[in-house]
PDB file of N, CA and C in Angstrom:
ATOM      1  N   MET A   1       0.797  -1.273  -0.006  1.00  0.00           N
ATOM      2  CA  MET A   1       0.136   0.069   0.083  1.00  0.00           C
ATOM      3  C   MET A   1       0.770   1.295   0.068  1.00  0.00           C
ATOM      4  N   GLY A   2       2.379   1.046  -0.209  1.00  0.00           N
ATOM      5  CA  GLY A   2       3.200   2.413  -0.072  1.00  0.00           C
ATOM      6  C   GLY A   2       2.945   2.925   1.052  1.00  0.00           C
ATOM      7  N   HIS A   3       2.720   4.528   0.778  1.00  0.00           N
ATOM      8  CA  HIS A   3       2.656   5.543   1.851  1.00  0.00           C
ATOM      9  C   HIS A   3       1.043   6.013   2.067  1.00  0.00           C
ATOM     10  N   ASN A   4       0.221   5.608   1.905  1.00  0.00           N
ATOM     11  CA  ASN A   4      -1.066   5.479   1.805  1.00  0.00           C
ATOM     12  C   ASN A   4      -1.296   5.687   3.221  1.00  0.00           C
ATOM     13  N   LYS A   5      -2.066   5.829   4.129  1.00  0.00           N
ATOM     14  CA  LYS A   5      -2.482   5.984   5.512  1.00  0.00           C
ATOM     15  C   LYS A   5      -3.771   5.158   5.608  1.00  0.00           C
ATOM     16  N   VAL A   6      -3.715   3.894   5.881  1.00  0.00           N
ATOM     17  CA  VAL A   6      -4.906   3.009   5.910  1.00  0.00           C
ATOM     18  C   VAL A   6      -5.690   3.350   7.450  1.00  0.00           C
ATOM     19  N   MET A   7      -6.767   3.688   7.616  1.00  0.00           N
ATOM     20  CA  MET A   7      -7.441   4.154   8.652  1.00  0.00           C
ATOM     21  C   MET A   7      -9.071   3.409   8.419  1.00  0.00           C
ATOM     22  N   CYS A   8      -9.424   2.930   9.907  1.00  0.00           N
ATOM     23  CA  CYS A   8     -10.968   2.246   9.900  1.00  0.00           C
ATOM     24  C   CYS A   8     -11.725   3.852  10.111  1.00  0.00           C
ATOM     25  N   VAL A   9     -12.978   3.907   9.789  1.00  0.00           N
ATOM     26  CA  VAL A   9     -14.120   5.079   9.719  1.00  0.00           C
ATOM     27  C   VAL A   9     -15.298   4.229  10.564  1.00  0.00           C
ATOM     28  N   PHE A  10     -15.274   4.799  11.645  1.00  0.00           N
ATOM     29  CA  PHE A  10     -16.552   4.292  12.348  1.00  0.00           C
ATOM     30  C   PHE A  10     -17.698   5.515  12.539  1.00  0.00           C
ATOM     31  N   ASN A  11     -19.211   5.184  11.861  1.00  0.00           N
ATOM     32  CA  ASN A  11     -20.111   6.020  11.544  1.00  0.00           C
ATOM     33  C   ASN A  11     -19.950   7.051  10.892  1.00  0.00           C
ATOM     34  N   LYS A  12     -19.025   7.238  10.297  1.00  0.00           N
ATOM     35  CA  LYS A  12     -18.594   8.119   8.991  1.00  0.00           C
ATOM     36  C   LYS A  12     -17.953   9.605  10.013  1.00  0.00           C
ATOM     37  N   THR A  13     -17.607   8.991  11.168  1.00  0.00           N
ATOM     38  CA  THR A  13     -17.239   9.796  11.949  1.00  0.00           C
ATOM     39  C   THR A  13     -15.970  10.019  12.846  1.00  0.00           C
ATOM     40  N   ILE A  14     -15.830   8.917  13.103  1.00  0.00           N
ATOM     41  CA  ILE A  14     -14.805   8.570  14.127  1.00  0.00           C
ATOM     42  C   ILE A  14     -13.609   7.897  13.268  1.00  0.00           C
ATOM     43  N   PHE A  15     -12.315   8.539  13.313  1.00  0.00           N
ATOM     44  CA  PHE A  15     -11.462   7.810  12.196  1.00  0.00           C
ATOM     45  C   PHE A  15     -10.142   7.117  13.470  1.00  0.00           C
ATOM     46  N   THR A  16      -9.815   6.078  13.257  1.00  0.00           N
ATOM     47  CA  THR A  16      -8.927   5.392  14.111  1.00  0.00           C
ATOM     48  C   THR A  16      -7.773   4.747  13.142  1.00  0.00           C
ATOM     49  N   ASN A  17      -6.569   4.349  13.556  1.00  0.00           N
ATOM     50  CA  ASN A  17      -5.630   3.615  12.738  1.00  0.00           C
ATOM     51  C   ASN A  17      -6.122   2.180  12.567  1.00  0.00           C
ATOM     52  N   ALA A  18      -5.507   1.742  11.206  1.00  0.00           N
ATOM     53  CA  ALA A  18      -5.647   0.245  11.098  1.00  0.00           C
ATOM     54  C   ALA A  18      -4.249  -0.215  10.998  1.00  0.00           C
ATOM     55  N   THR A  19      -4.278  -1.322  11.065  1.00  0.00           N
ATOM     56  CA  THR A  19      -2.891  -2.324  11.141  1.00  0.00           C
ATOM     57  C   THR A  19      -3.232  -3.076  10.085  1.00  0.00           C
ATOM     58  N   ILE A  20      -2.331  -3.577   9.349  1.00  0.00           N
ATOM     59  CA  ILE A  20      -2.321  -4.412   8.035  1.00  0.00           C
ATOM     60  C   ILE A  20      -1.341  -5.446   8.606  1.00  0.00           C
ATOM     61  N   MET A  21      -2.157  -6.692   9.001  1.00  0.00           N
ATOM     62  CA  MET A  21      -1.634  -7.667   9.443  1.00  0.00           C
ATOM     63  C   MET A  21      -1.016  -8.641   8.212  1.00  0.00           C
ATOM     64  N   ASP A  22      -1.895  -9.045   7.122  1.00  0.00           N
ATOM     65  CA  ASP A  22      -1.437  -9.743   6.150  1.00  0.00           C
ATOM     66  C   ASP A  22      -2.371  -9.422   4.877  1.00  0.00           C
ATOM     67  N   ASP A  23      -2.353  -9.622   3.644  1.00  0.00           N
ATOM     68  CA  ASP A  23      -3.182  -9.396   2.564  1.00  0.00           C
ATOM     69  C   ASP A  23      -4.521  -9.572   2.610  1.00  0.00           C
ATOM     70  N   ARG A  24      -5.163 -10.449   3.811  1.00  0.00           N
ATOM     71  CA  ARG A  24      -6.110 -10.579   3.990  1.00  0.00           C
ATOM     72  C   ARG A  24      -6.950 -10.333   5.196  1.00  0.00           C
ATOM     73  N   THR A  25      -5.865  -9.410   6.161  1.00  0.00           N
ATOM     74  CA  THR A  25      -6.361  -9.367   7.414  1.00  0.00           C
ATOM     75  C   THR A  25      -6.078  -7.620   7.895  1.00  0.00           C
ATOM     76  N   LEU A  26      -7.078  -7.075   8.277  1.00  0.00           N
ATOM     77  CA  LEU A  26      -6.813  -5.679   8.515  1.00  0.00           C
ATOM     78  C   LEU A  26      -7.431  -5.204  10.105  1.00  0.00           C
ATOM     79  N   LYS A  27      -6.908  -5.157  11.533  1.00  0.00           N
ATOM     80  CA  LYS A  27      -7.430  -4.751  12.390  1.00  0.00           C
ATOM     81  C   LYS A  27      -7.432  -3.192  12.523  1.00  0.00           C
ATOM     82  N   CYS A  28      -8.638  -2.938  13.246  1.00  0.00           N
ATOM     83  CA  CYS A  28      -9.042  -1.732  13.538  1.00  0.00           C
ATOM     84  C   CYS A  28      -8.998  -1.807  15.158  1.00  0.00           C
ATOM     85  N   ASP A  29      -8.738  -0.641  15.937  1.00  0.00           N
ATOM     86  CA  ASP A  29      -9.088   0.379  16.980  1.00  0.00           C
ATOM     87  C   ASP A  29     -10.303   0.536  17.074  1.00  0.00           C
ATOM     88  N   SER A  30     -11.065  -0.032  17.876  1.00  0.00           N
ATOM     89  CA  SER A  30     -12.543   0.621  18.014  1.00  0.00           C
ATOM     90  C   SER A  30     -13.085   1.813  18.816  1.00  0.00           C
ATOM     91  N   PRO A  31     -13.733   2.933  18.970  1.00  0.00           N
ATOM     92  CA  PRO A  31     -13.632   3.834  19.852  1.00  0.00           C
ATOM     93  C   PRO A  31     -14.190   3.370  20.969  1.00  0.00           C
ATOM     94  N   SER A  32     -13.616   4.094  22.432  1.00  0.00           N
ATOM     95  CA  SER A  32     -14.213   3.604  23.443  1.00  0.00           C
ATOM     96  C   SER A  32     -15.882   3.966  23.764  1.00  0.00           C
ATOM     97  N   LEU A  33     -16.195   3.049  24.273  1.00  0.00           N
ATOM     98  CA  LEU A  33     -17.885   2.338  24.668  1.00  0.00           C
ATOM     99  C   LEU A  33     -18.064   3.499  25.910  1.00  0.00           C
ATOM    100  N   LEU A  34     -17.103   4.167  26.517  1.00  0.00           N
ATOM    101  CA  LEU A  34     -17.636   4.850  27.863  1.00  0.00           C
ATOM    102  C   LEU A  34     -17.381   6.792  27.279  1.00  0.00           C
ATOM    103  N   ASN A  35     -18.513   7.106  28.046  1.00  0.00           N
ATOM    104  CA  ASN A  35     -18.163   8.954  27.783  1.00  0.00           C
ATOM    105  C   ASN A  35     -17.320   9.535  28.417  1.00  0.00           C
ATOM    106  N   SER A  36     -17.237  10.923  28.273  1.00  0.00           N
ATOM    107  CA  SER A  36     -16.125  11.280  29.079  1.00  0.00           C
ATOM    108  C   SER A  36     -16.102  11.318  30.389  1.00  0.00           C
ATOM    109  N   GLN A  37     -17.280  10.977  31.207  1.00  0.00           N
ATOM    110  CA  GLN A  37     -17.172  10.767  32.712  1.00  0.00           C
ATOM    111  C   GLN A  37     -16.870   9.318  32.964  1.00  0.00           C
ATOM    112  N   GLY A  38     -16.567   8.044  32.201  1.00  0.00           N
ATOM    113  CA  GLY A  38     -16.336   7.127  32.048  1.00  0.00           C
ATOM    114  C   GLY A  38     -17.406   6.096  32.146  1.00  0.00           C
ATOM    115  N   TYR A  39     -18.642   6.584  31.923  1.00  0.00           N
ATOM    116  CA  TYR A  39     -19.822   6.022  32.119  1.00  0.00           C
ATOM    117  C   TYR A  39     -20.280   5.065  30.646  1.00  0.00           C
ATOM    118  N   SER A  40     -20.742   3.765  30.729  1.00  0.00           N
ATOM    119  CA  SER A  40     -20.874   2.975  29.429  1.00  0.00           C
ATOM    120  C   SER A  40     -22.163   4.124  28.625  1.00  0.00           C
ATOM    121  N   MET A  41     -21.872   4.201  27.372  1.00  0.00           N
ATOM    122  CA  MET A  41     -22.632   4.647  26.388  1.00  0.00           C
ATOM    123  C   MET A  41     -23.952   3.672  26.043  1.00  0.00           C
ATOM    124  N   MET A  42     -23.739   2.287  26.528  1.00  0.00           N
ATOM    125  CA  MET A  42     -24.769   1.771  26.349  1.00  0.00           C
ATOM    126  C   MET A  42     -26.065   1.408  26.910  1.00  0.00           C
ATOM    127  N   THR A  43     -26.908   2.422  26.101  1.00  0.00           N
ATOM    128  CA  THR A  43     -28.321   2.954  26.886  1.00  0.00           C
ATOM    129  C   THR A  43     -29.221   1.407  26.689  1.00  0.00           C
ATOM    130  N   ASN A  44     -29.173   0.928  25.553  1.00  0.00           N
ATOM    131  CA  ASN A  44     -29.967  -0.287  25.266  1.00  0.00           C
ATOM    132  C   ASN A  44     -29.822  -1.602  25.276  1.00  0.00           C
ATOM    133  N   LYS A  45     -28.618  -1.404  26.057  1.00  0.00           N
ATOM    134  CA  LYS A  45     -27.445  -2.938  25.850  1.00  0.00           C
ATOM    135  C   LYS A  45     -26.880  -3.735  24.563  1.00  0.00           C
ATOM    136  N   MET A  46     -27.038  -2.508  23.544  1.00  0.00           N
ATOM    137  CA  MET A  46     -26.495  -2.443  22.279  1.00  0.00           C
ATOM    138  C   MET A  46     -26.255  -1.417  21.357  1.00  0.00           C
ATOM    139  N   LEU A  47     -24.922  -1.258  21.577  1.00  0.00           N
ATOM    140  CA  LEU A  47     -23.922  -0.653  20.575  1.00  0.00           C
ATOM    141  C   LEU A  47     -23.298  -0.691  19.753  1.00  0.00           C
ATOM    142  N   TYR A  48     -23.619  -0.124  18.491  1.00  0.00           N
ATOM    143  CA  TYR A  48     -22.359  -0.623  17.219  1.00  0.00           C
ATOM    144  C   TYR A  48     -22.303   0.372  16.514  1.00  0.00           C
ATOM    145  N   TYR A  49     -21.175   0.283  15.810  1.00  0.00           N
ATOM    146  CA  TYR A  49     -20.626   1.041  14.858  1.00  0.00           C
ATOM    147  C   TYR A  49     -20.830   0.412  13.355  1.00  0.00           C
ATOM    148  N   PHE A  50     -21.154   1.462  12.334  1.00  0.00           N
ATOM    149  CA  PHE A  50     -20.935   1.351  11.192  1.00  0.00           C
ATOM    150  C   PHE A  50     -19.629   1.167  10.436  1.00  0.00           C
ATOM    151  N   LEU A  51     -19.061   0.403  10.025  1.00  0.00           N
ATOM    152  CA  LEU A  51     -17.398   0.356   9.932  1.00  0.00           C
ATOM    153  C   LEU A  51     -16.927   0.345   8.269  1.00  0.00           C
ATOM    154  N   GLU A  52     -16.128   1.360   8.262  1.00  0.00           N
ATOM    155  CA  GLU A  52     -15.604   1.672   6.730  1.00  0.00           C
ATOM    156  C   GLU A  52     -14.333   1.628   6.724  1.00  0.00           C
ATOM    157  N   VAL A  53     -13.587   1.726   5.485  1.00  0.00           N
ATOM    158  CA  VAL A  53     -11.861   1.633   5.897  1.00  0.00           C
ATOM    159  C   VAL A  53     -11.828   2.786   4.690  1.00  0.00           C
ATOM    160  N   THR A  54     -10.956   3.264   4.778  1.00  0.00           N
ATOM    161  CA  THR A  54     -10.107   4.394   3.704  1.00  0.00           C
ATOM    162  C   THR A  54      -8.657   3.827   3.632  1.00  0.00           C
ATOM    163  N   ILE A  55      -8.149   3.858   2.753  1.00  0.00           N
ATOM    164  CA  ILE A  55      -6.473   3.581   2.392  1.00  0.00           C
ATOM    165  C   ILE A  55      -5.911   4.671   1.933  1.00  0.00           C
ATOM    166  N   ASP A  56      -6.792   6.137   1.961  1.00  0.00           N
ATOM    167  CA  ASP A  56      -5.659   7.170   1.268  1.00  0.00           C
ATOM    168  C   ASP A  56      -5.975   8.314   2.552  1.00  0.00           C
ATOM    169  N   GLY A  57      -5.990   7.760   3.769  1.00  0.00           N
ATOM    170  CA  GLY A  57      -5.808   8.874   4.827  1.00  0.00           C
ATOM    171  C   GLY A  57      -7.060   9.636   4.686  1.00  0.00           C
ATOM    172  N   GLY A  58      -8.099   9.257   4.276  1.00  0.00           N
ATOM    173  CA  GLY A  58      -9.773   9.783   4.338  1.00  0.00           C
ATOM    174  C   GLY A  58     -10.152  10.551   3.212  1.00  0.00           C
ATOM    175  N   ARG A  59      -9.876  10.345   2.313  1.00  0.00           N
ATOM    176  CA  ARG A  59     -10.273  10.875   1.047  1.00  0.00           C
ATOM    177  C   ARG A  59     -11.149  10.298   0.214  1.00  0.00           C
ATOM    178  N   GLU A  60     -11.216   8.895   0.145  1.00  0.00           N
ATOM    179  CA  GLU A  60     -11.937   8.188  -0.270  1.00  0.00           C
ATOM    180  C   GLU A  60     -12.303   7.003   0.384  1.00  0.00           C
ATOM    181  N   ILE A  61     -13.486   6.742   1.026  1.00  0.00           N
ATOM    182  CA  ILE A  61     -13.994   5.646   1.994  1.00  0.00           C
ATOM    183  C   ILE A  61     -14.928   4.717   1.559  1.00  0.00           C
ATOM    184  N   ALA A  62     -14.369   3.453   1.606  1.00  0.00           N
ATOM    185  CA  ALA A  62     -15.074   2.174   1.025  1.00  0.00           C
ATOM    186  C   ALA A  62     -16.169   1.460   2.376  1.00  0.00           C
ATOM    187  N   GLY A  63     -17.220   1.271   1.673  1.00  0.00           N
ATOM    188  CA  GLY A  63     -18.184   0.435   2.798  1.00  0.00           C
ATOM    189  C   GLY A  63     -17.522  -0.789   3.275  1.00  0.00           C
ATOM    190  N   PRO A  64     -18.455  -1.438   4.080  1.00  0.00           N
ATOM    191  CA  PRO A  64     -18.273  -2.670   4.832  1.00  0.00           C
ATOM    192  C   PRO A  64     -17.881  -3.892   3.746  1.00  0.00           C
TER     193      PRO A  64
END
C-alpha cells in the first residue's frame, strides 16, 4: 500500500488507525464505549458502529 495511510472509519465520523496484518487481515482500534465521565454509552444494551475503511487517509471511504 506504499505511503498511503490506512484507517478505519466508524459511523462516518470517527477515524482510527488500522493495522495491516497480512493481505487478508486488517485490524481496527474501536472507539471507546465510555463517555467522557467514564460511564457506559450502552443505553439499550446494544451499541454498534458502522465500519468503513479508507486507504488514502480519509479522502475516499469504502463501505463494509
